[in-house]
Protein backbone atom coordinates (compact mmCIF):
# COMPACT_ATOMS: atom_id res chain seq x y z
CA MET A 1 2.24 -8.92 8.40
CA CYS A 2 1.87 -7.74 4.83
CA ALA A 3 4.66 -5.25 5.33
CA GLU A 4 6.91 -8.00 6.68
CA LYS A 5 6.23 -10.09 3.62
CA GLY A 6 6.85 -7.33 1.18
CA ILE A 7 3.26 -6.95 0.17
CA CYS A 8 2.37 -3.34 -0.77
CA PHE A 9 -1.10 -1.77 -0.35
CA THR A 10 -2.12 1.08 -2.53
CA PHE A 11 -5.27 3.04 -1.60
CA LEU A 12 -7.34 4.85 -4.23
CA ASN A 13 -10.35 7.02 -3.84
CA PRO A 14 -13.56 5.89 -5.80
CA HIS A 15 -12.45 7.92 -8.87
CA GLY A 16 -9.11 6.07 -9.03
CA LYS A 17 -7.03 8.90 -7.49
CA PHE A 18 -4.04 7.91 -5.42
CA LEU A 19 -4.55 8.38 -1.71
CA ALA A 20 -1.69 6.49 0.08
CA ARG A 21 0.63 3.46 0.04
CA VAL A 22 1.53 1.07 2.86
CA GLU A 23 4.78 -0.94 2.39
CA GLY A 24 7.63 -2.31 4.38
CA PRO A 25 11.24 -1.09 4.15
CA VAL A 26 12.44 -0.45 0.52
CA SER A 27 15.89 -1.96 0.07
CA GLY A 28 17.23 0.16 -2.78
CA ASN A 29 20.68 -0.94 -4.05
CA VAL A 30 22.74 2.37 -3.97
CA LEU A 31 25.16 1.22 -6.74
CA LEU A 32 22.23 0.26 -8.93
CA ARG A 33 20.49 3.48 -8.35
CA LYS A 34 23.62 5.53 -9.00
CA LYS A 35 23.85 3.74 -12.44
CA GLN A 36 20.14 4.58 -13.07
CA TYR A 37 20.72 8.31 -12.32
CA ARG A 38 23.76 8.39 -14.58
CA ILE A 39 21.86 6.87 -17.46
CA SER A 40 18.93 9.23 -16.87
CA ASP A 41 21.28 12.24 -17.08
CA ASP A 42 22.73 11.01 -20.39
CA LYS A 43 20.37 11.74 -23.23
CA ILE A 44 22.03 9.24 -25.51
CA GLU A 45 21.83 6.40 -23.07
CA SER A 46 18.30 7.41 -22.05
CA ALA A 47 17.31 7.35 -25.76
CA LYS A 48 18.55 3.76 -25.99
CA LEU A 49 16.05 2.67 -23.36
CA ALA A 50 13.27 4.98 -24.33
CA LYS A 51 13.12 3.60 -27.83
CA LEU A 52 12.75 0.10 -26.53
CA PHE A 53 9.82 1.12 -24.23
CA VAL A 54 8.22 2.96 -27.22
CA MET A 55 8.81 0.09 -29.82
CA ALA A 56 7.30 -2.46 -27.39
CA LYS A 57 4.31 -0.15 -26.71
CA ILE A 58 3.56 0.35 -30.40
CA SER A 59 4.02 -3.35 -31.17
CA ASN A 60 1.66 -4.42 -28.44
CA ALA A 61 -0.91 -1.85 -29.57
CA ARG A 62 -0.67 -3.43 -32.99
CA ALA A 63 -1.27 -6.79 -31.47
CA VAL A 64 -4.40 -5.60 -29.78
CA LEU A 65 -5.67 -4.14 -33.15
CA SER A 66 -4.68 -7.42 -34.91
CA ARG A 67 -6.75 -9.37 -32.43
CA VAL A 68 -10.03 -7.53 -33.25
CA ILE A 69 -9.51 -8.07 -37.02
CA ARG A 70 -8.98 -11.84 -36.31
CA ASP A 71 -11.88 -12.30 -33.88
CA HIS A 72 -14.50 -9.77 -34.94
CA PRO A 73 -13.99 -8.75 -38.55
CA GLU A 74 -17.76 -8.31 -39.05
CA ASN A 75 -18.06 -5.69 -36.29
CA THR A 76 -15.07 -3.47 -37.21
CA ASP A 77 -13.74 -1.41 -40.11
CA VAL A 78 -11.03 -3.85 -41.09
CA ASN A 79 -9.44 -1.55 -43.67
CA LYS A 80 -9.21 1.34 -41.21
CA VAL A 81 -7.58 -0.83 -38.58
CA LYS A 82 -5.14 -2.35 -41.09
CA LYS A 83 -4.08 1.12 -42.28
CA ALA A 84 -3.38 2.14 -38.62
CA MET A 85 -1.36 -1.03 -38.14
CA GLU A 86 0.77 -0.30 -41.25
CA ASP A 87 1.45 3.17 -40.02
CA MET A 88 2.39 1.83 -36.67
CA SER A 89 4.91 -0.56 -38.17
CA LEU A 90 6.59 2.49 -39.91
CA MET A 91 6.69 4.21 -36.44
CA ILE A 92 8.41 1.22 -34.86
CA PHE A 93 11.09 1.30 -37.62
CA LYS A 94 11.54 5.09 -37.13
CA ALA A 95 11.96 4.58 -33.39
CA GLU A 96 14.43 1.88 -33.82
CA LYS A 97 16.64 3.94 -36.14
CA ASN A 98 16.31 7.07 -34.04
CA SER A 99 18.78 8.14 -31.31
CA ASP A 100 17.31 11.61 -30.50
CA LEU A 101 15.33 11.48 -27.21
CA GLU A 102 12.88 14.25 -28.17
CA GLU A 103 12.16 12.70 -31.50
CA ILE A 104 11.51 9.32 -29.87
CA ARG A 105 9.09 10.96 -27.53
CA GLY A 106 7.37 12.55 -30.53
CA ILE A 107 7.07 9.21 -32.22
CA GLU A 108 5.46 7.70 -29.02
CA GLY A 109 2.88 10.68 -28.97
CA MET A 110 1.96 10.14 -32.65
CA ALA A 111 1.56 6.43 -32.22
CA ALA A 112 -0.57 6.88 -29.13
CA HIS A 113 -2.80 9.38 -31.14
CA LEU A 114 -3.00 6.93 -33.98
CA TYR A 115 -3.95 4.03 -31.81
CA PHE A 116 -6.69 5.95 -29.95
CA SER A 117 -8.00 7.19 -33.29
CA VAL A 118 -9.03 3.66 -34.09
CA PHE A 119 -9.78 2.53 -30.53
CA ASN A 120 -13.56 2.84 -31.24
CA GLU A 121 -13.15 -0.05 -33.77
CA LEU A 122 -12.19 -2.34 -30.87
CA ILE A 123 -15.60 -1.92 -29.36
CA VAL A 124 -17.72 -4.82 -30.78
CA ALA A 125 -20.68 -4.58 -28.44
CA GLN A 126 -22.69 -1.68 -27.05
CA LYS A 127 -21.23 0.48 -29.84
CA ASP A 128 -23.89 3.21 -29.29
CA GLU A 129 -23.48 3.38 -25.71
CA PHE A 130 -19.65 3.22 -25.61
CA TYR A 131 -18.44 5.47 -28.38
CA PHE A 132 -14.82 6.57 -28.01
CA THR A 133 -13.62 9.82 -29.72
CA GLU A 134 -10.41 10.83 -27.90
CA ARG A 135 -8.40 10.19 -24.74
CA SER A 136 -9.50 12.56 -21.79
CA ARG A 137 -8.58 12.55 -18.13
CA ARG A 138 -8.68 14.68 -14.95
CA PRO A 139 -11.57 14.13 -15.18
CA PRO A 140 -12.49 11.56 -17.77
CA LYS A 141 -15.24 12.83 -20.00
CA ASP A 142 -16.89 9.47 -21.08
CA ASN A 143 -17.41 5.92 -19.94
CA ILE A 144 -14.46 4.39 -21.73
CA ASN A 145 -12.06 7.08 -20.44
CA ALA A 146 -13.37 6.42 -16.98
CA LEU A 147 -12.41 2.80 -17.32
CA LEU A 148 -9.08 3.55 -18.94
CA SER A 149 -8.07 6.08 -16.31
CA PHE A 150 -8.80 3.65 -13.46
CA VAL A 151 -6.95 0.69 -14.88
CA TYR A 152 -3.92 2.85 -15.81
CA THR A 153 -3.76 4.03 -12.21
CA LEU A 154 -3.87 0.33 -11.06
CA LEU A 155 -1.08 -0.58 -13.60
CA VAL A 156 1.31 2.34 -12.77
CA HIS A 157 1.23 1.38 -9.08
CA GLU A 158 1.97 -2.22 -10.03
CA CYS A 159 5.03 -0.98 -12.01
CA ARG A 160 6.05 1.26 -9.15
CA SER A 161 5.98 -1.58 -6.61
CA ALA A 162 7.90 -3.85 -9.03
CA LEU A 163 10.69 -1.29 -9.59
CA GLU A 164 11.11 -0.65 -5.84
CA THR A 165 11.20 -4.38 -5.21
CA VAL A 166 14.27 -4.79 -7.49
CA GLY A 167 15.94 -1.75 -5.99
CA LEU A 168 15.31 0.84 -8.84
CA ASP A 169 14.05 4.40 -8.25
CA PRO A 170 10.50 4.60 -9.81
CA ALA A 171 10.86 8.40 -9.81
CA VAL A 172 13.76 8.68 -12.23
CA GLY A 173 12.91 7.73 -15.82
CA PHE A 174 14.28 7.77 -19.32
CA LEU A 175 11.26 8.31 -21.63
CA HIS A 176 9.14 10.47 -19.29
CA ARG A 177 10.62 13.65 -18.11
CA ASP A 178 11.22 13.88 -14.32
CA ARG A 179 8.87 16.01 -12.37
CA PRO A 180 8.22 16.39 -8.64
CA GLY A 181 5.75 13.67 -7.51
CA ARG A 182 5.79 11.84 -10.87
CA PRO A 183 6.90 8.22 -10.99
CA SER A 184 8.62 8.65 -14.29
CA LEU A 185 10.21 5.23 -14.58
CA ALA A 186 6.98 3.48 -13.53
CA LEU A 187 5.34 5.37 -16.38
CA ASP A 188 8.10 4.28 -18.72
CA LEU A 189 7.65 0.66 -17.83
CA MET A 190 3.86 0.88 -17.94
CA GLU A 191 3.93 2.07 -21.60
CA GLU A 192 4.94 -1.39 -22.95
CA LEU A 193 2.36 -3.03 -20.83
CA ARG A 194 -0.72 -0.69 -21.27
CA PRO A 195 -2.12 -2.35 -24.50
CA TYR A 196 -1.68 -6.00 -23.40
CA ILE A 197 -2.78 -5.74 -19.83
CA ALA A 198 -4.91 -2.58 -19.20
CA ASP A 199 -6.61 -2.05 -22.53
CA ARG A 200 -7.59 -5.61 -22.94
CA VAL A 201 -9.25 -5.55 -19.45
CA VAL A 202 -11.27 -2.52 -20.51
CA LEU A 203 -12.35 -3.98 -23.82
CA SER A 204 -13.28 -7.20 -22.16
CA LEU A 205 -15.58 -5.39 -19.75
CA ILE A 206 -17.35 -3.57 -22.49
CA ASN A 207 -17.49 -6.28 -25.12
CA ARG A 208 -18.82 -8.89 -22.63
CA GLN A 209 -21.25 -6.35 -21.25
CA GLN A 210 -19.95 -6.61 -17.70
CA VAL A 211 -20.39 -2.85 -17.63
CA THR A 212 -23.22 -0.97 -19.12
CA PRO A 213 -24.16 2.80 -19.34
CA ASP A 214 -25.94 2.38 -15.96
CA SER A 215 -22.55 1.53 -14.42
CA PHE A 216 -21.45 5.19 -14.55
CA MET A 217 -22.35 8.47 -12.90
CA VAL A 218 -21.67 12.11 -13.61
CA SER A 219 -19.79 14.14 -11.00
CA GLU A 220 -20.47 17.81 -10.11
CA GLY A 221 -17.43 18.81 -12.25
CA GLY A 222 -18.79 17.06 -15.26
CA GLY A 223 -16.44 14.01 -15.05
CA ILE A 224 -17.65 10.46 -15.62
CA PHE A 225 -16.86 7.92 -12.90
CA MET A 226 -17.82 4.31 -12.10
CA LYS A 227 -20.41 3.38 -9.58
CA ASP A 228 -19.35 1.10 -6.76
CA ALA A 229 -20.77 -2.12 -8.41
CA ALA A 230 -18.85 -1.45 -11.59
CA ARG A 231 -15.61 -0.70 -9.77
CA LYS A 232 -15.99 -4.00 -7.97
CA THR A 233 -16.57 -5.81 -11.37
CA LEU A 234 -13.55 -4.11 -12.82
CA LEU A 235 -11.26 -5.05 -9.91
CA GLU A 236 -12.45 -8.74 -10.03
CA THR A 237 -11.70 -8.73 -13.77
CA TRP A 238 -8.37 -7.16 -13.20
CA GLN A 239 -7.44 -9.85 -10.63
CA LYS A 240 -8.52 -12.64 -13.00
CA ARG A 241 -6.48 -11.12 -15.75
CA LYS A 242 -3.41 -10.93 -13.56
CA ALA A 243 -3.86 -14.68 -12.57
CA GLU A 244 -3.71 -15.73 -16.32
CA GLU A 245 -0.61 -17.66 -17.33
CA ILE A 246 1.58 -16.86 -20.36
CA THR A 247 5.02 -17.80 -21.55
CA HIS A 248 7.41 -14.93 -21.15
CA PRO A 249 8.72 -14.13 -24.68
CA PHE A 250 12.34 -13.51 -23.35
CA LEU A 251 12.54 -15.74 -20.30
CA ASP A 252 10.74 -18.56 -22.00
CA GLU A 253 9.17 -19.46 -18.75
CA LYS A 254 5.43 -19.64 -17.68
CA ILE A 255 4.52 -16.73 -15.41
CA GLU A 256 1.32 -15.04 -14.39
CA VAL A 257 0.30 -11.84 -16.19
CA GLY A 258 0.39 -10.16 -12.78
CA LEU A 259 4.17 -10.80 -12.64
CA ILE A 260 5.09 -9.28 -16.03
CA ALA A 261 5.78 -5.86 -14.49
CA TYR A 262 8.06 -7.55 -11.93
CA SER A 263 9.80 -9.58 -14.57
CA GLN A 264 10.51 -6.48 -16.73
CA ALA A 265 11.77 -4.53 -13.75
CA LEU A 266 14.09 -7.36 -12.88
CA LEU A 267 15.45 -7.43 -16.50
CA LEU A 268 15.85 -3.70 -16.50
CA ALA A 269 17.93 -4.02 -13.21
CA ARG A 270 20.02 -6.77 -14.69
CA TYR A 271 20.76 -4.61 -17.72
CA MET A 272 21.83 -1.71 -15.57
CA ARG A 273 24.14 -3.98 -13.57
CA GLY A 274 25.68 -5.19 -16.78
CA ASP A 275 24.39 -8.81 -16.35
CA ILE A 276 22.76 -8.72 -19.85
CA GLU A 277 23.82 -6.76 -22.94
CA SER A 278 20.45 -4.90 -23.52
CA TYR A 279 17.13 -4.50 -21.93
CA PRO A 280 14.58 -6.90 -23.53
CA PRO A 281 11.26 -5.15 -23.55
CA PHE A 282 8.00 -7.13 -23.35
CA PHE A 283 6.53 -8.02 -26.78
CA CYS A 284 3.26 -9.91 -26.49
CA LYS A 285 2.66 -12.85 -28.84
């Protein structure tokens, strides 16, 4: 019944690793996909889209930093966060003016490093127990990375399903290089949504003390993973976040957060069909 209604199921193991997907027939539009492949093979055209994903990602990361200064100035190093925000603004400007795909990728990498260098300032409760130093994965080396890796896995599968629904190929991207088994376009789309959707869920869980150090365990390989109860709490928080309503900045319509990925995938498909002049990335307000 779910397959008939276009509802996709994604199965993950307790550590957040992808296991399988169950879905109905995927109705890819062959003309749309041919256009997607042509753009992907053209570095100049790819750069035009890649820079938009990167600019939105950096802007939305700045918005997350701005939020902590506004709401919790007493629990964060305001000057340190403001300096990071200023540097991010310069990176947005550089990306906008750049047409070299490799340089745009480099700007994205620098912005991500800068953002995570001040991520610890976003932790306003349980600071001693949840101390972030750097991004780690496969396996995650601390509690925060365990949370981030899990929600990023959830988000990339949301993006993949959204792209397939509108007829695009999630494996052929513009910012991320194509590799066997990698959903490159889903990763592209996820970049602009990470800070606003995924990171805020993780920060909420920690700062509201919905997870504690006792919520995690160490695997035989030294990785840190959530216990069952913590995973259940995360998924409940994730679903509540997706049910929240916002006004889409481009469409100017009320939609649920859980439909942002679909809305952006639809706009991307419309751009490729020539229905709109350029792709409007998601900039949170």
